[in-house]
Amino acid sequence: MPLNHLNEQIKTKKRKKTIILLLVMFILAGFVYVTYLLLSANSFLNTIQGTKLPETTLNVDEKIVLTNKDPFSVLLLGVDKRPGDVGRSDSIMVATINPETNDVRLLSIPRDTRVTLPSGKIDKINASYAYGGIPLTVETVENLLQIPIHYYAQINMQGLVVLVDALEGITVNSPLEFDVQDINDVEGNIHIDKGIQELNGNQALGYARMRYEDPQGDWGRQKRQREVVNEIIDETISLKSLTNFSTIFRAVGPNVETNFSSRDLWAIATNYANAADHVETLQLEGQEAYEYFPSYGQDVFVWQTDDVKLAELQQELQTHLSLEQDTQTDSTDLDSSSDNLR
């Protein structure tokens, strides 16, 4: 065999070995990184574990198993909480997720919605958080919608500033131009242009909170809040953010609380991911009104729900959570029992 040919074979083998070695090193490095990411995520989730949800008449018999692809509900709260202040829920949303129908129902509940608290007291729904935190808020929402709440996630609205900055901003498409006061007194008045633009943390908070200059009032604000939440989620799971996850964890940690476990989130990512591509937005229909509340000592602005529309909404959410079948089964069992007694 010619010497040149032999040398070429040796060089080729060395190149192959080098490529294989580099591939092995790359795979090992990726494995170490993913393992570190998962361990960090699990540790992060342990730091944000919050209140165990109370057993109520609506959820006590509704134990779901995410690995079985059971439909489930989530209460999403944006809370305005500052040092020395109990806080109130500034943004209230309920999502129901059904992997069989492969979609999500997303309902925004106006914070001024007039409700009867479990104690029998009439008040705005956002006051439930001030009176009893997550447990009372969950029970109040369950009573309003007549569905069990399985999970919750709460973010302090002040933490939204830190989170958006950790994500290096978000992109929104504003339906109108407006100015809003910066509640953190960092930028004075915040100016939002109409159309697509990049927002930092303070701007994103102002964009999500503005209410009085919007022709749609609270409905317009709810749309903007949903847009901000969606953009944050998209940015958080982007490839760019994977290299910045430790900064994001540090930003989110002090400002988020949830009862999701790492196992729950893994099951959701595995079994429910496609449902997130099909989101239907629902509305709690009603009308604006003023009502005298003795506890406030004055007439208070409230959102009064339309009883007929509310009943239809309750039915739709129950059906989406596959609760209607259970109700029908119970009714059938009751009829059978009645027949046996005759």
C-alpha atoms as a PDB file:
ATOM      1  CA  MET A   1       0.000   0.000   0.000  1.00  0.00           C
ATOM      2  CA  PRO A   2       1.461   3.395  -0.964  1.00  0.00           C
ATOM      3  CA  LEU A   3       2.674   5.502   1.969  1.00  0.00           C
ATOM      4  CA  ASN A   4       0.572   8.524   0.942  1.00  0.00           C
ATOM      5  CA  HIS A   5      -2.587   6.406   0.872  1.00  0.00           C
ATOM      6  CA  LEU A   6      -1.743   4.952   4.307  1.00  0.00           C
ATOM      7  CA  ASN A   7      -1.197   8.443   5.753  1.00  0.00           C
ATOM      8  CA  GLU A   8      -4.535   9.584   4.301  1.00  0.00           C
ATOM      9  CA  GLN A   9      -6.324   6.634   5.949  1.00  0.00           C
ATOM     10  CA  ILE A  10      -4.701   7.481   9.285  1.00  0.00           C
ATOM     11  CA  LYS A  11      -5.762  11.127   8.963  1.00  0.00           C
ATOM     12  CA  THR A  12      -9.313  10.081   8.041  1.00  0.00           C
ATOM     13  CA  LYS A  13      -9.549   7.810  11.097  1.00  0.00           C
ATOM     14  CA  LYS A  14      -8.249  10.620  13.320  1.00  0.00           C
ATOM     15  CA  ARG A  15     -10.842  13.026  11.905  1.00  0.00           C
ATOM     16  CA  LYS A  16     -13.607  10.487  12.529  1.00  0.00           C
ATOM     17  CA  LYS A  17     -12.417   9.947  16.089  1.00  0.00           C
ATOM     18  CA  THR A  18     -12.254  13.712  16.628  1.00  0.00           C
ATOM     19  CA  ILE A  19     -15.785  14.177  15.268  1.00  0.00           C
ATOM     20  CA  ILE A  20     -17.108  11.313  17.413  1.00  0.00           C
ATOM     21  CA  LEU A  21     -15.335  12.740  20.480  1.00  0.00           C
ATOM     22  CA  LEU A  22     -16.783  16.189  19.825  1.00  0.00           C
ATOM     23  CA  LEU A  23     -20.268  14.720  19.381  1.00  0.00           C
ATOM     24  CA  VAL A  24     -19.961  12.784  22.639  1.00  0.00           C
ATOM     25  CA  MET A  25     -18.718  15.913  24.440  1.00  0.00           C
ATOM     26  CA  PHE A  26     -21.561  17.953  22.941  1.00  0.00           C
ATOM     27  CA  ILE A  27     -24.165  15.368  23.986  1.00  0.00           C
ATOM     28  CA  LEU A  28     -22.694  15.141  27.505  1.00  0.00           C
ATOM     29  CA  ALA A  29     -22.603  18.925  27.813  1.00  0.00           C
ATOM     30  CA  GLY A  30     -26.218  19.109  26.662  1.00  0.00           C
ATOM     31  CA  PHE A  31     -27.213  16.392  29.103  1.00  0.00           C
ATOM     32  CA  VAL A  32     -25.456  18.203  31.969  1.00  0.00           C
ATOM     33  CA  TYR A  33     -27.114  21.484  30.978  1.00  0.00           C
ATOM     34  CA  VAL A  34     -30.601  19.955  30.706  1.00  0.00           C
ATOM     35  CA  THR A  35     -30.128  18.138  34.013  1.00  0.00           C
ATOM     36  CA  TYR A  36     -29.015  21.373  35.658  1.00  0.00           C
ATOM     37  CA  LEU A  37     -31.980  23.174  34.121  1.00  0.00           C
ATOM     38  CA  LEU A  38     -34.443  20.548  35.370  1.00  0.00           C
ATOM     39  CA  LEU A  39     -32.941  20.497  38.861  1.00  0.00           C
ATOM     40  CA  SER A  40     -32.990  24.293  38.982  1.00  0.00           C
ATOM     41  CA  ALA A  41     -36.591  24.338  37.762  1.00  0.00           C
ATOM     42  CA  ASN A  42     -37.588  21.791  40.391  1.00  0.00           C
ATOM     43  CA  SER A  43     -35.805  23.786  43.101  1.00  0.00           C
ATOM     44  CA  PHE A  44     -37.490  26.942  41.821  1.00  0.00           C
ATOM     45  CA  LEU A  45     -40.935  25.339  41.989  1.00  0.00           C
ATOM     46  CA  ASN A  46     -40.274  24.299  45.569  1.00  0.00           C
ATOM     47  CA  THR A  47     -39.604  27.934  46.494  1.00  0.00           C
ATOM     48  CA  ILE A  48     -42.884  29.189  45.029  1.00  0.00           C
ATOM     49  CA  GLN A  49     -45.181  26.535  46.481  1.00  0.00           C
ATOM     50  CA  GLY A  50     -48.112  28.303  48.059  1.00  0.00           C
ATOM     51  CA  THR A  51     -51.362  27.618  49.848  1.00  0.00           C
ATOM     52  CA  LYS A  52     -53.070  24.254  49.634  1.00  0.00           C
ATOM     53  CA  LEU A  53     -56.512  24.824  48.185  1.00  0.00           C
ATOM     54  CA  PRO A  54     -59.410  24.333  50.606  1.00  0.00           C
ATOM     55  CA  GLU A  55     -61.853  21.477  50.180  1.00  0.00           C
ATOM     56  CA  THR A  56     -65.193  22.954  49.150  1.00  0.00           C
ATOM     57  CA  THR A  57     -68.528  21.442  48.222  1.00  0.00           C
ATOM     58  CA  LEU A  58     -67.567  21.855  44.552  1.00  0.00           C
ATOM     59  CA  ASN A  59     -64.067  20.383  44.553  1.00  0.00           C
ATOM     60  CA  VAL A  60     -64.081  17.804  47.371  1.00  0.00           C
ATOM     61  CA  ASP A  61     -65.194  14.999  45.023  1.00  0.00           C
ATOM     62  CA  GLU A  62     -63.377  16.335  41.964  1.00  0.00           C
ATOM     63  CA  LYS A  63     -59.920  14.776  42.257  1.00  0.00           C
ATOM     64  CA  ILE A  64     -58.200  14.960  38.901  1.00  0.00           C
ATOM     65  CA  VAL A  65     -55.274  12.950  37.552  1.00  0.00           C
ATOM     66  CA  LEU A  66     -53.221  14.841  34.982  1.00  0.00           C
ATOM     67  CA  THR A  67     -51.471  11.685  33.796  1.00  0.00           C
ATOM     68  CA  ASN A  68     -54.939  10.374  32.855  1.00  0.00           C
ATOM     69  CA  LYS A  69     -55.542  13.528  30.796  1.00  0.00           C
ATOM     70  CA  ASP A  70     -58.404  14.711  32.992  1.00  0.00           C
ATOM     71  CA  PRO A  71     -59.765  18.192  32.181  1.00  0.00           C
ATOM     72  CA  PHE A  72     -58.734  20.726  34.813  1.00  0.00           C
ATOM     73  CA  SER A  73     -59.154  24.379  35.786  1.00  0.00           C
ATOM     74  CA  VAL A  74     -56.682  27.082  36.806  1.00  0.00           C
ATOM     75  CA  LEU A  75     -57.305  30.358  38.607  1.00  0.00           C
ATOM     76  CA  LEU A  76     -54.844  33.041  37.454  1.00  0.00           C
ATOM     77  CA  LEU A  77     -54.458  36.044  39.737  1.00  0.00           C
ATOM     78  CA  GLY A  78     -52.555  39.272  39.281  1.00  0.00           C
ATOM     79  CA  VAL A  79     -52.327  40.757  42.773  1.00  0.00           C
ATOM     80  CA  ASP A  80     -51.512  44.338  43.672  1.00  0.00           C
ATOM     81  CA  LYS A  81     -49.585  43.747  46.886  1.00  0.00           C
ATOM     82  CA  ARG A  82     -47.088  46.155  48.440  1.00  0.00           C
ATOM     83  CA  PRO A  83     -45.097  46.107  51.707  1.00  0.00           C
ATOM     84  CA  GLY A  84     -47.463  46.444  54.667  1.00  0.00           C
ATOM     85  CA  ASP A  85     -50.516  45.934  52.455  1.00  0.00           C
ATOM     86  CA  VAL A  86     -52.649  42.780  52.240  1.00  0.00           C
ATOM     87  CA  GLY A  87     -53.405  43.554  48.613  1.00  0.00           C
ATOM     88  CA  ARG A  88     -56.303  42.913  46.271  1.00  0.00           C
ATOM     89  CA  SER A  89     -56.599  40.839  43.135  1.00  0.00           C
ATOM     90  CA  ASP A  90     -56.201  43.299  40.269  1.00  0.00           C
ATOM     91  CA  SER A  91     -56.606  40.704  37.525  1.00  0.00           C
ATOM     92  CA  ILE A  92     -58.722  37.539  37.777  1.00  0.00           C
ATOM     93  CA  MET A  93     -58.786  34.910  35.053  1.00  0.00           C
ATOM     94  CA  VAL A  94     -60.019  31.323  34.966  1.00  0.00           C
ATOM     95  CA  ALA A  95     -58.803  28.816  32.390  1.00  0.00           C
ATOM     96  CA  THR A  96     -60.308  25.385  31.768  1.00  0.00           C
ATOM     97  CA  ILE A  97     -58.191  22.929  29.768  1.00  0.00           C
ATOM     98  CA  ASN A  98     -59.619  19.859  28.055  1.00  0.00           C
ATOM     99  CA  PRO A  99     -57.188  17.574  26.150  1.00  0.00           C
ATOM    100  CA  GLU A 100     -60.038  15.578  24.604  1.00  0.00           C
ATOM    101  CA  THR A 101     -61.531  18.602  22.849  1.00  0.00           C
ATOM    102  CA  ASN A 102     -57.959  19.897  22.576  1.00  0.00           C
ATOM    103  CA  ASP A 103     -58.715  23.484  23.582  1.00  0.00           C
ATOM    104  CA  VAL A 104     -58.783  26.056  26.372  1.00  0.00           C
ATOM    105  CA  ARG A 105     -61.577  28.287  27.619  1.00  0.00           C
ATOM    106  CA  LEU A 106     -60.222  31.534  29.092  1.00  0.00           C
ATOM    107  CA  LEU A 107     -62.503  33.766  31.139  1.00  0.00           C
ATOM    108  CA  SER A 108     -61.598  37.185  32.536  1.00  0.00           C
ATOM    109  CA  ILE A 109     -63.650  38.183  35.575  1.00  0.00           C
ATOM    110  CA  PRO A 110     -63.968  41.949  36.086  1.00  0.00           C
ATOM    111  CA  ARG A 111     -62.513  42.837  39.482  1.00  0.00           C
ATOM    112  CA  ASP A 112     -65.619  44.918  40.267  1.00  0.00           C
ATOM    113  CA  THR A 113     -67.982  41.956  39.804  1.00  0.00           C
ATOM    114  CA  ARG A 114     -70.678  41.959  42.486  1.00  0.00           C
ATOM    115  CA  VAL A 115     -70.663  38.643  44.350  1.00  0.00           C
ATOM    116  CA  THR A 116     -71.941  37.046  47.509  1.00  0.00           C
ATOM    117  CA  LEU A 117     -68.966  35.919  49.580  1.00  0.00           C
ATOM    118  CA  PRO A 118     -69.173  32.540  51.386  1.00  0.00           C
ATOM    119  CA  SER A 119     -69.942  34.488  54.586  1.00  0.00           C
ATOM    120  CA  GLY A 120     -73.085  35.894  52.945  1.00  0.00           C
ATOM    121  CA  LYS A 121     -71.636  39.394  52.626  1.00  0.00           C
ATOM    122  CA  ILE A 122     -72.132  41.270  49.338  1.00  0.00           C
ATOM    123  CA  ASP A 123     -68.929  42.782  47.942  1.00  0.00           C
ATOM    124  CA  LYS A 124     -66.716  43.085  44.884  1.00  0.00           C
ATOM    125  CA  ILE A 125     -64.963  39.881  43.904  1.00  0.00           C
ATOM    126  CA  ASN A 126     -61.490  41.412  44.220  1.00  0.00           C
ATOM    127  CA  ALA A 127     -62.169  42.062  47.926  1.00  0.00           C
ATOM    128  CA  SER A 128     -62.201  38.303  48.567  1.00  0.00           C
ATOM    129  CA  TYR A 129     -58.409  38.260  48.366  1.00  0.00           C
ATOM    130  CA  ALA A 130     -58.101  41.062  50.930  1.00  0.00           C
ATOM    131  CA  TYR A 131     -60.458  39.224  53.311  1.00  0.00           C
ATOM    132  CA  GLY A 132     -59.117  35.697  52.982  1.00  0.00           C
ATOM    133  CA  GLY A 133     -56.299  35.389  50.458  1.00  0.00           C
ATOM    134  CA  ILE A 134     -56.188  32.488  48.019  1.00  0.00           C
ATOM    135  CA  PRO A 135     -58.583  30.156  49.929  1.00  0.00           C
ATOM    136  CA  LEU A 136     -61.437  32.683  50.045  1.00  0.00           C
ATOM    137  CA  THR A 137     -60.807  33.831  46.472  1.00  0.00           C
ATOM    138  CA  VAL A 138     -60.958  30.246  45.212  1.00  0.00           C
ATOM    139  CA  GLU A 139     -64.181  29.520  47.081  1.00  0.00           C
ATOM    140  CA  THR A 140     -65.752  32.775  45.849  1.00  0.00           C
ATOM    141  CA  VAL A 141     -64.837  32.050  42.210  1.00  0.00           C
ATOM    142  CA  GLU A 142     -66.111  28.483  42.525  1.00  0.00           C
ATOM    143  CA  ASN A 143     -69.447  29.731  43.863  1.00  0.00           C
ATOM    144  CA  LEU A 144     -69.736  32.300  41.069  1.00  0.00           C
ATOM    145  CA  LEU A 145     -68.949  29.903  38.212  1.00  0.00           C
ATOM    146  CA  GLN A 146     -70.194  26.667  39.815  1.00  0.00           C
ATOM    147  CA  ILE A 147     -67.064  24.743  38.856  1.00  0.00           C
ATOM    148  CA  PRO A 148     -64.208  23.351  40.968  1.00  0.00           C
ATOM    149  CA  ILE A 149     -60.882  25.184  40.871  1.00  0.00           C
ATOM    150  CA  HIS A 150     -58.065  22.629  40.759  1.00  0.00           C
ATOM    151  CA  TYR A 151     -54.985  24.846  40.535  1.00  0.00           C
ATOM    152  CA  TYR A 152     -53.996  28.452  40.926  1.00  0.00           C
ATOM    153  CA  ALA A 153     -51.081  30.696  39.992  1.00  0.00           C
ATOM    154  CA  GLN A 154     -50.623  34.138  41.488  1.00  0.00           C
ATOM    155  CA  ILE A 155     -48.186  36.854  40.464  1.00  0.00           C
ATOM    156  CA  ASN A 156     -47.624  40.122  42.261  1.00  0.00           C
ATOM    157  CA  MET A 157     -48.182  42.849  39.668  1.00  0.00           C
ATOM    158  CA  GLN A 158     -45.045  44.608  40.938  1.00  0.00           C
ATOM    159  CA  GLY A 159     -43.148  41.434  40.109  1.00  0.00           C
ATOM    160  CA  LEU A 160     -44.297  41.743  36.519  1.00  0.00           C
ATOM    161  CA  VAL A 161     -41.875  44.660  36.118  1.00  0.00           C
ATOM    162  CA  VAL A 162     -38.890  42.564  37.218  1.00  0.00           C
ATOM    163  CA  LEU A 163     -39.988  39.597  35.115  1.00  0.00           C
ATOM    164  CA  VAL A 164     -40.413  41.565  31.883  1.00  0.00           C
ATOM    165  CA  ASP A 165     -37.042  43.244  32.410  1.00  0.00           C
ATOM    166  CA  ALA A 166     -35.468  39.810  33.003  1.00  0.00           C
ATOM    167  CA  LEU A 167     -36.948  38.746  29.653  1.00  0.00           C
ATOM    168  CA  GLU A 168     -35.399  41.877  28.111  1.00  0.00           C
ATOM    169  CA  GLY A 169     -38.825  43.240  27.225  1.00  0.00           C
ATOM    170  CA  ILE A 170     -41.947  42.055  25.435  1.00  0.00           C
ATOM    171  CA  THR A 171     -43.671  43.010  22.176  1.00  0.00           C
ATOM    172  CA  VAL A 172     -47.289  44.200  22.179  1.00  0.00           C
ATOM    173  CA  ASN A 173     -49.688  45.563  19.593  1.00  0.00           C
ATOM    174  CA  SER A 174     -51.551  48.400  21.301  1.00  0.00           C
ATOM    175  CA  PRO A 175     -55.031  49.175  19.939  1.00  0.00           C
ATOM    176  CA  LEU A 176     -54.726  52.828  20.992  1.00  0.00           C
ATOM    177  CA  GLU A 177     -52.294  55.571  22.023  1.00  0.00           C
ATOM    178  CA  PHE A 178     -52.393  56.723  25.643  1.00  0.00           C
ATOM    179  CA  ASP A 179     -50.442  58.016  28.635  1.00  0.00           C
ATOM    180  CA  VAL A 180     -50.559  56.330  32.020  1.00  0.00           C
ATOM    181  CA  GLN A 181     -48.917  57.207  35.324  1.00  0.00           C
ATOM    182  CA  ASP A 182     -45.960  55.059  36.343  1.00  0.00           C
ATOM    183  CA  ILE A 183     -46.994  53.832  39.810  1.00  0.00           C
ATOM    184  CA  ASN A 184     -43.332  53.093  40.589  1.00  0.00           C
ATOM    185  CA  ASP A 185     -42.388  56.733  39.877  1.00  0.00           C
ATOM    186  CA  VAL A 186     -39.515  55.658  37.657  1.00  0.00           C
ATOM    187  CA  GLU A 187     -40.570  57.110  34.324  1.00  0.00           C
ATOM    188  CA  GLY A 188     -43.203  59.690  35.320  1.00  0.00           C
ATOM    189  CA  ASN A 189     -45.979  59.313  32.781  1.00  0.00           C
ATOM    190  CA  ILE A 190     -45.603  56.290  30.525  1.00  0.00           C
ATOM    191  CA  HIS A 191     -46.464  56.904  26.875  1.00  0.00           C
ATOM    192  CA  ILE A 192     -47.813  54.024  24.804  1.00  0.00           C
ATOM    193  CA  ASP A 193     -48.008  54.402  21.024  1.00  0.00           C
ATOM    194  CA  LYS A 194     -50.665  52.761  18.911  1.00  0.00           C
ATOM    195  CA  GLY A 195     -49.403  49.661  17.135  1.00  0.00           C
ATOM    196  CA  ILE A 196     -46.534  47.202  17.575  1.00  0.00           C
ATOM    197  CA  GLN A 197     -43.801  48.189  20.030  1.00  0.00           C
ATOM    198  CA  GLU A 198     -41.287  46.881  22.575  1.00  0.00           C
ATOM    199  CA  LEU A 199     -42.048  47.511  26.257  1.00  0.00           C
ATOM    200  CA  ASN A 200     -39.832  47.286  29.319  1.00  0.00           C
ATOM    201  CA  GLY A 201     -41.125  46.192  32.713  1.00  0.00           C
ATOM    202  CA  ASN A 202     -42.579  49.520  33.887  1.00  0.00           C
ATOM    203  CA  GLN A 203     -44.146  50.154  30.497  1.00  0.00           C
ATOM    204  CA  ALA A 204     -45.662  46.666  30.401  1.00  0.00           C
ATOM    205  CA  LEU A 205     -47.220  47.168  33.838  1.00  0.00           C
ATOM    206  CA  GLY A 206     -48.646  50.533  32.794  1.00  0.00           C
ATOM    207  CA  TYR A 207     -49.954  49.028  29.553  1.00  0.00           C
ATOM    208  CA  ALA A 208     -51.680  46.212  31.467  1.00  0.00           C
ATOM    209  CA  ARG A 209     -53.157  48.440  34.182  1.00  0.00           C
ATOM    210  CA  MET A 210     -54.539  51.405  32.232  1.00  0.00           C
ATOM    211  CA  ARG A 211     -58.327  51.506  32.376  1.00  0.00           C
ATOM    212  CA  TYR A 212     -59.962  54.917  32.282  1.00  0.00           C
ATOM    213  CA  GLU A 213     -58.685  56.080  28.879  1.00  0.00           C
ATOM    214  CA  ASP A 214     -59.815  52.874  27.164  1.00  0.00           C
ATOM    215  CA  PRO A 215     -63.176  53.242  25.354  1.00  0.00           C
ATOM    216  CA  GLN A 216     -63.879  49.607  26.310  1.00  0.00           C
ATOM    217  CA  GLY A 217     -63.191  50.261  29.996  1.00  0.00           C
ATOM    218  CA  ASP A 218     -62.358  47.173  32.022  1.00  0.00           C
ATOM    219  CA  TRP A 219     -62.940  44.897  29.023  1.00  0.00           C
ATOM    220  CA  GLY A 220     -60.182  46.686  27.132  1.00  0.00           C
ATOM    221  CA  ARG A 221     -57.862  46.370  30.093  1.00  0.00           C
ATOM    222  CA  GLN A 222     -58.590  42.643  30.359  1.00  0.00           C
ATOM    223  CA  LYS A 223     -57.642  42.184  26.690  1.00  0.00           C
ATOM    224  CA  ARG A 224     -54.348  43.993  27.256  1.00  0.00           C
ATOM    225  CA  GLN A 225     -53.642  41.951  30.384  1.00  0.00           C
ATOM    226  CA  ARG A 226     -54.203  38.714  28.464  1.00  0.00           C
ATOM    227  CA  GLU A 227     -51.887  39.988  25.729  1.00  0.00           C
ATOM    228  CA  VAL A 228     -49.130  40.752  28.260  1.00  0.00           C
ATOM    229  CA  VAL A 229     -49.551  37.326  29.909  1.00  0.00           C
ATOM    230  CA  ASN A 230     -49.371  35.562  26.526  1.00  0.00           C
ATOM    231  CA  GLU A 231     -46.248  37.510  25.528  1.00  0.00           C
ATOM    232  CA  ILE A 232     -44.555  36.706  28.829  1.00  0.00           C
ATOM    233  CA  ILE A 233     -45.305  33.008  28.367  1.00  0.00           C
ATOM    234  CA  ASP A 234     -43.996  33.061  24.780  1.00  0.00           C
ATOM    235  CA  GLU A 235     -40.797  34.823  25.851  1.00  0.00           C
ATOM    236  CA  THR A 236     -40.298  32.579  28.874  1.00  0.00           C
ATOM    237  CA  ILE A 237     -40.349  29.375  26.818  1.00  0.00           C
ATOM    238  CA  SER A 238     -38.292  30.789  23.940  1.00  0.00           C
ATOM    239  CA  LEU A 239     -34.826  29.456  23.170  1.00  0.00           C
ATOM    240  CA  LYS A 240     -33.349  32.867  24.036  1.00  0.00           C
ATOM    241  CA  SER A 241     -34.676  32.620  27.587  1.00  0.00           C
ATOM    242  CA  LEU A 242     -33.199  29.158  28.166  1.00  0.00           C
ATOM    243  CA  THR A 243     -29.782  30.789  28.427  1.00  0.00           C
ATOM    244  CA  ASN A 244     -31.189  33.331  30.898  1.00  0.00           C
ATOM    245  CA  PHE A 245     -33.298  31.034  33.068  1.00  0.00           C
ATOM    246  CA  SER A 246     -31.425  31.696  36.328  1.00  0.00           C
ATOM    247  CA  THR A 247     -32.105  35.439  36.007  1.00  0.00           C
ATOM    248  CA  ILE A 248     -35.755  34.731  35.228  1.00  0.00           C
ATOM    249  CA  PHE A 249     -36.073  32.369  38.207  1.00  0.00           C
ATOM    250  CA  ARG A 250     -34.605  35.004  40.532  1.00  0.00           C
ATOM    251  CA  ALA A 251     -37.025  37.592  39.170  1.00  0.00           C
ATOM    252  CA  VAL A 252     -40.092  35.368  39.390  1.00  0.00           C
ATOM    253  CA  GLY A 253     -39.349  33.610  42.694  1.00  0.00           C
ATOM    254  CA  PRO A 254     -40.303  36.343  45.202  1.00  0.00           C
ATOM    255  CA  ASN A 255     -43.351  37.362  43.180  1.00  0.00           C
ATOM    256  CA  VAL A 256     -45.083  34.113  42.219  1.00  0.00           C
ATOM    257  CA  GLU A 257     -47.081  31.564  44.181  1.00  0.00           C
ATOM    258  CA  THR A 258     -48.748  28.392  42.906  1.00  0.00           C
ATOM    259  CA  ASN A 259     -49.880  24.906  43.916  1.00  0.00           C
ATOM    260  CA  PHE A 260     -48.524  23.316  40.714  1.00  0.00           C
ATOM    261  CA  SER A 261     -45.838  20.742  41.429  1.00  0.00           C
ATOM    262  CA  SER A 262     -43.005  19.895  39.034  1.00  0.00           C
ATOM    263  CA  ARG A 263     -44.769  16.580  38.356  1.00  0.00           C
ATOM    264  CA  ASP A 264     -47.972  18.453  37.479  1.00  0.00           C
ATOM    265  CA  LEU A 265     -46.177  20.731  35.042  1.00  0.00           C
ATOM    266  CA  TRP A 266     -44.406  17.790  33.412  1.00  0.00           C
ATOM    267  CA  ALA A 267     -47.754  16.019  32.940  1.00  0.00           C
ATOM    268  CA  ILE A 268     -49.274  19.184  31.473  1.00  0.00           C
ATOM    269  CA  ALA A 269     -46.361  19.663  29.072  1.00  0.00           C
ATOM    270  CA  THR A 270     -46.698  16.024  28.012  1.00  0.00           C
ATOM    271  CA  ASN A 271     -50.477  15.656  27.758  1.00  0.00           C
ATOM    272  CA  TYR A 272     -51.956  19.122  27.276  1.00  0.00           C
ATOM    273  CA  ALA A 273     -49.500  21.123  25.140  1.00  0.00           C
ATOM    274  CA  ASN A 274     -51.610  21.048  21.941  1.00  0.00           C
ATOM    275  CA  ALA A 275     -54.651  22.467  23.736  1.00  0.00           C
ATOM    276  CA  ALA A 276     -52.786  25.755  24.298  1.00  0.00           C
ATOM    277  CA  ASP A 277     -52.894  26.392  20.534  1.00  0.00           C
ATOM    278  CA  HIS A 278     -56.693  26.667  20.618  1.00  0.00           C
ATOM    279  CA  VAL A 279     -57.851  29.270  23.138  1.00  0.00           C
ATOM    280  CA  GLU A 280     -61.431  30.550  23.191  1.00  0.00           C
ATOM    281  CA  THR A 281     -62.008  33.743  25.156  1.00  0.00           C
ATOM    282  CA  LEU A 282     -65.226  33.979  27.174  1.00  0.00           C
ATOM    283  CA  GLN A 283     -66.935  37.010  28.713  1.00  0.00           C
ATOM    284  CA  LEU A 284     -68.861  37.462  31.938  1.00  0.00           C
ATOM    285  CA  GLU A 285     -71.731  39.512  30.592  1.00  0.00           C
ATOM    286  CA  GLY A 286     -73.664  42.041  32.637  1.00  0.00           C
ATOM    287  CA  GLN A 287     -73.971  45.764  33.192  1.00  0.00           C
ATOM    288  CA  GLU A 288     -72.362  48.614  35.118  1.00  0.00           C
ATOM    289  CA  ALA A 289     -74.148  49.890  38.215  1.00  0.00           C
ATOM    290  CA  TYR A 290     -73.689  51.761  41.474  1.00  0.00           C
ATOM    291  CA  GLU A 291     -74.733  50.154  44.740  1.00  0.00           C
ATOM    292  CA  TYR A 292     -74.544  51.328  48.330  1.00  0.00           C
ATOM    293  CA  PHE A 293     -72.252  49.118  50.432  1.00  0.00           C
ATOM    294  CA  PRO A 294     -72.497  49.676  54.209  1.00  0.00           C
ATOM    295  CA  SER A 295     -68.896  48.514  54.652  1.00  0.00           C
ATOM    296  CA  TYR A 296     -67.724  51.293  52.304  1.00  0.00           C
ATOM    297  CA  GLY A 297     -70.240  53.845  53.554  1.00  0.00           C
ATOM    298  CA  GLN A 298     -70.991  55.028  50.022  1.00  0.00           C
ATOM    299  CA  ASP A 299     -72.267  54.055  46.584  1.00  0.00           C
ATOM    300  CA  VAL A 300     -69.739  51.809  44.875  1.00  0.00           C
ATOM    301  CA  PHE A 301     -69.226  50.995  41.201  1.00  0.00           C
ATOM    302  CA  VAL A 302     -69.936  47.309  40.494  1.00  0.00           C
ATOM    303  CA  TRP A 303     -70.342  44.942  37.557  1.00  0.00           C
ATOM    304  CA  GLN A 304     -73.714  43.181  37.892  1.00  0.00           C
ATOM    305  CA  THR A 305     -73.807  39.858  36.073  1.00  0.00           C
ATOM    306  CA  ASP A 306     -76.683  38.893  33.812  1.00  0.00           C
ATOM    307  CA  ASP A 307     -78.259  35.878  35.575  1.00  0.00           C
ATOM    308  CA  VAL A 308     -79.322  34.154  32.342  1.00  0.00           C
ATOM    309  CA  LYS A 309     -75.933  34.642  30.669  1.00  0.00           C
ATOM    310  CA  LEU A 310     -74.157  33.574  33.859  1.00  0.00           C
ATOM    311  CA  ALA A 311     -76.118  30.315  33.937  1.00  0.00           C
ATOM    312  CA  GLU A 312     -75.164  29.673  30.292  1.00  0.00           C
ATOM    313  CA  LEU A 313     -71.516  30.383  31.089  1.00  0.00           C
ATOM    314  CA  GLN A 314     -71.605  28.033  34.082  1.00  0.00           C
ATOM    315  CA  GLN A 315     -73.049  25.306  31.860  1.00  0.00           C
ATOM    316  CA  GLU A 316     -70.380  25.827  29.203  1.00  0.00           C
ATOM    317  CA  LEU A 317     -67.533  25.592  31.727  1.00  0.00           C
ATOM    318  CA  GLN A 318     -69.058  22.541  33.407  1.00  0.00           C
ATOM    319  CA  THR A 319     -69.353  20.830  30.030  1.00  0.00           C
ATOM    320  CA  HIS A 320     -65.782  21.742  29.128  1.00  0.00           C
ATOM    321  CA  LEU A 321     -64.586  20.157  32.377  1.00  0.00           C
ATOM    322  CA  SER A 322     -66.710  17.071  31.603  1.00  0.00           C
ATOM    323  CA  LEU A 323     -68.825  17.706  34.709  1.00  0.00           C
ATOM    324  CA  GLU A 324     -72.137  17.575  32.846  1.00  0.00           C
ATOM    325  CA  GLN A 325     -71.873  13.819  32.386  1.00  0.00           C
ATOM    326  CA  ASP A 326     -71.295  13.356  36.105  1.00  0.00           C
ATOM    327  CA  THR A 327     -74.364  15.470  36.847  1.00  0.00           C
ATOM    328  CA  GLN A 328     -76.466  13.452  34.416  1.00  0.00           C
ATOM    329  CA  THR A 329     -75.218  10.227  35.983  1.00  0.00           C
ATOM    330  CA  ASP A 330     -76.167  11.485  39.423  1.00  0.00           C
ATOM    331  CA  SER A 331     -79.645  12.398  38.147  1.00  0.00           C
ATOM    332  CA  THR A 332     -80.043   8.935  36.578  1.00  0.00           C
ATOM    333  CA  ASP A 333     -79.009   7.274  39.817  1.00  0.00           C
ATOM    334  CA  LEU A 334     -81.499   9.447  41.693  1.00  0.00           C
ATOM    335  CA  ASP A 335     -84.313   8.488  39.300  1.00  0.00           C
ATOM    336  CA  SER A 336     -83.438   4.799  39.688  1.00  0.00           C
ATOM    337  CA  SER A 337     -83.487   5.119  43.452  1.00  0.00           C
ATOM    338  CA  SER A 338     -86.879   6.804  43.265  1.00  0.00           C
ATOM    339  CA  ASP A 339     -88.202   3.956  41.095  1.00  0.00           C
ATOM    340  CA  ASN A 340     -87.000   1.446  43.647  1.00  0.00           C
ATOM    341  CA  LEU A 341     -88.859   3.270  46.399  1.00  0.00           C
ATOM    342  CA  ARG A 342     -92.159   3.199  44.549  1.00  0.00           C
END
